[in-house]
């Protein structure tokens, strides 16, 4: 059983890299929103009030997903690897 959704996705669809390369990429990549800070600021400045509210809702939802992925990643490293069937 694998609790980390990113690991499950990579197992199902692959990404053409080794386990070590994927671990390095996950550590390096961090938050998607953090990498888009400048673009999001520009977009907010050029948007109407209603569009800014939509952008803020969207970014809050992405942050929540990132937070949940972090929790799942931590849980998958804590979970026992050898689970016997009762």
C-alpha atoms as a PDB file:
ATOM      1  CA  UNK A   1       0.000   0.000   0.000  1.00  0.00           C
ATOM      2  CA  UNK A   2       1.348   3.417  -0.946  1.00  0.00           C
ATOM      3  CA  UNK A   3      -0.009   6.545   0.741  1.00  0.00           C
ATOM      4  CA  UNK A   4       1.917   9.133  -1.264  1.00  0.00           C
ATOM      5  CA  UNK A   5      -0.197  10.133  -4.299  1.00  0.00           C
ATOM      6  CA  UNK A   6       2.835  11.395  -6.213  1.00  0.00           C
ATOM      7  CA  UNK A   7       4.582   8.032  -5.912  1.00  0.00           C
ATOM      8  CA  UNK A   8       1.416   6.243  -7.069  1.00  0.00           C
ATOM      9  CA  UNK A   9       1.144   8.562 -10.086  1.00  0.00           C
ATOM     10  CA  UNK A  10       4.783   7.998 -11.018  1.00  0.00           C
ATOM     11  CA  UNK A  11       4.377   4.224 -10.727  1.00  0.00           C
ATOM     12  CA  UNK A  12       1.282   4.255 -12.926  1.00  0.00           C
ATOM     13  CA  UNK A  13       2.484   6.639 -15.612  1.00  0.00           C
ATOM     14  CA  UNK A  14       6.231   6.840 -15.091  1.00  0.00           C
ATOM     15  CA  UNK A  15       8.389   9.822 -15.871  1.00  0.00           C
ATOM     16  CA  UNK A  16      11.486   8.286 -17.449  1.00  0.00           C
ATOM     17  CA  UNK A  17      13.766   8.765 -14.458  1.00  0.00           C
ATOM     18  CA  UNK A  18      15.201   6.755 -11.609  1.00  0.00           C
ATOM     19  CA  UNK A  19      13.911   6.767  -8.035  1.00  0.00           C
ATOM     20  CA  UNK A  20      16.851   8.951  -6.968  1.00  0.00           C
ATOM     21  CA  UNK A  21      16.190  11.470  -9.767  1.00  0.00           C
ATOM     22  CA  UNK A  22      12.511  11.711  -8.815  1.00  0.00           C
ATOM     23  CA  UNK A  23      13.374  12.273  -5.143  1.00  0.00           C
ATOM     24  CA  UNK A  24      15.834  15.052  -6.081  1.00  0.00           C
ATOM     25  CA  UNK A  25      13.245  16.684  -8.355  1.00  0.00           C
ATOM     26  CA  UNK A  26      10.544  16.625  -5.658  1.00  0.00           C
ATOM     27  CA  UNK A  27      12.932  18.222  -3.172  1.00  0.00           C
ATOM     28  CA  UNK A  28      14.093  20.849  -5.684  1.00  0.00           C
ATOM     29  CA  UNK A  29      10.682  21.725  -7.143  1.00  0.00           C
ATOM     30  CA  UNK A  30       8.919  22.652  -3.911  1.00  0.00           C
ATOM     31  CA  UNK A  31       5.760  24.709  -4.270  1.00  0.00           C
ATOM     32  CA  UNK A  32       4.351  25.368  -7.714  1.00  0.00           C
ATOM     33  CA  UNK A  33       2.853  28.638  -6.509  1.00  0.00           C
ATOM     34  CA  UNK A  34       6.182  29.828  -5.121  1.00  0.00           C
ATOM     35  CA  UNK A  35       7.693  29.457  -8.588  1.00  0.00           C
ATOM     36  CA  UNK A  36       4.887  31.604 -10.058  1.00  0.00           C
ATOM     37  CA  UNK A  37       4.873  34.457  -7.545  1.00  0.00           C
ATOM     38  CA  UNK A  38       5.926  37.151 -10.038  1.00  0.00           C
ATOM     39  CA  UNK A  39       3.477  36.039 -12.710  1.00  0.00           C
ATOM     40  CA  UNK A  40       0.614  35.852 -10.221  1.00  0.00           C
ATOM     41  CA  UNK A  41       1.370  39.341  -8.920  1.00  0.00           C
ATOM     42  CA  UNK A  42       1.302  40.749 -12.441  1.00  0.00           C
ATOM     43  CA  UNK A  43      -1.911  38.913 -13.221  1.00  0.00           C
ATOM     44  CA  UNK A  44      -3.580  40.213 -10.068  1.00  0.00           C
ATOM     45  CA  UNK A  45      -2.531  43.798 -10.866  1.00  0.00           C
ATOM     46  CA  UNK A  46      -3.971  43.563 -14.373  1.00  0.00           C
ATOM     47  CA  UNK A  47      -7.240  41.910 -13.301  1.00  0.00           C
ATOM     48  CA  UNK A  48     -10.587  43.243 -12.175  1.00  0.00           C
ATOM     49  CA  UNK A  49     -11.723  42.865  -8.580  1.00  0.00           C
ATOM     50  CA  UNK A  50     -13.941  39.899  -9.471  1.00  0.00           C
ATOM     51  CA  UNK A  51     -11.102  38.177 -11.346  1.00  0.00           C
ATOM     52  CA  UNK A  52      -8.720  38.805  -8.436  1.00  0.00           C
ATOM     53  CA  UNK A  53     -11.154  37.003  -6.140  1.00  0.00           C
ATOM     54  CA  UNK A  54     -11.209  34.018  -8.519  1.00  0.00           C
ATOM     55  CA  UNK A  55      -7.398  33.997  -8.722  1.00  0.00           C
ATOM     56  CA  UNK A  56      -7.141  34.144  -4.921  1.00  0.00           C
ATOM     57  CA  UNK A  57      -9.602  31.259  -4.539  1.00  0.00           C
ATOM     58  CA  UNK A  58      -7.670  29.232  -7.083  1.00  0.00           C
ATOM     59  CA  UNK A  59      -4.297  29.858  -5.423  1.00  0.00           C
ATOM     60  CA  UNK A  60      -5.724  29.007  -1.996  1.00  0.00           C
ATOM     61  CA  UNK A  61      -7.018  25.712  -3.389  1.00  0.00           C
ATOM     62  CA  UNK A  62      -3.639  24.907  -4.945  1.00  0.00           C
ATOM     63  CA  UNK A  63      -1.930  25.694  -1.609  1.00  0.00           C
ATOM     64  CA  UNK A  64      -4.338  23.334   0.149  1.00  0.00           C
ATOM     65  CA  UNK A  65      -3.557  20.563  -2.334  1.00  0.00           C
ATOM     66  CA  UNK A  66       0.176  21.151  -1.853  1.00  0.00           C
ATOM     67  CA  UNK A  67      -0.302  20.992   1.922  1.00  0.00           C
ATOM     68  CA  UNK A  68      -2.201  17.706   1.635  1.00  0.00           C
ATOM     69  CA  UNK A  69       0.472  16.247  -0.639  1.00  0.00           C
ATOM     70  CA  UNK A  70       3.122  17.180   1.928  1.00  0.00           C
ATOM     71  CA  UNK A  71       1.116  15.447   4.666  1.00  0.00           C
ATOM     72  CA  UNK A  72       0.694  12.359   2.470  1.00  0.00           C
ATOM     73  CA  UNK A  73       4.405  12.317   1.658  1.00  0.00           C
ATOM     74  CA  UNK A  74       5.304  12.457   5.351  1.00  0.00           C
ATOM     75  CA  UNK A  75       2.761   9.744   6.168  1.00  0.00           C
ATOM     76  CA  UNK A  76       4.164   7.464   3.472  1.00  0.00           C
ATOM     77  CA  UNK A  77       7.655   7.671   4.971  1.00  0.00           C
ATOM     78  CA  UNK A  78       6.305   6.860   8.438  1.00  0.00           C
ATOM     79  CA  UNK A  79       4.066   3.967   7.371  1.00  0.00           C
ATOM     80  CA  UNK A  80       5.497   0.464   7.823  1.00  0.00           C
ATOM     81  CA  UNK A  81       6.801  -1.036   4.585  1.00  0.00           C
ATOM     82  CA  UNK A  82       6.144  -4.662   5.498  1.00  0.00           C
ATOM     83  CA  UNK A  83       2.474  -5.121   6.250  1.00  0.00           C
ATOM     84  CA  UNK A  84       1.379  -8.681   6.770  1.00  0.00           C
ATOM     85  CA  UNK A  85      -2.154  -9.804   5.892  1.00  0.00           C
ATOM     86  CA  UNK A  86      -4.216 -10.654   8.993  1.00  0.00           C
END
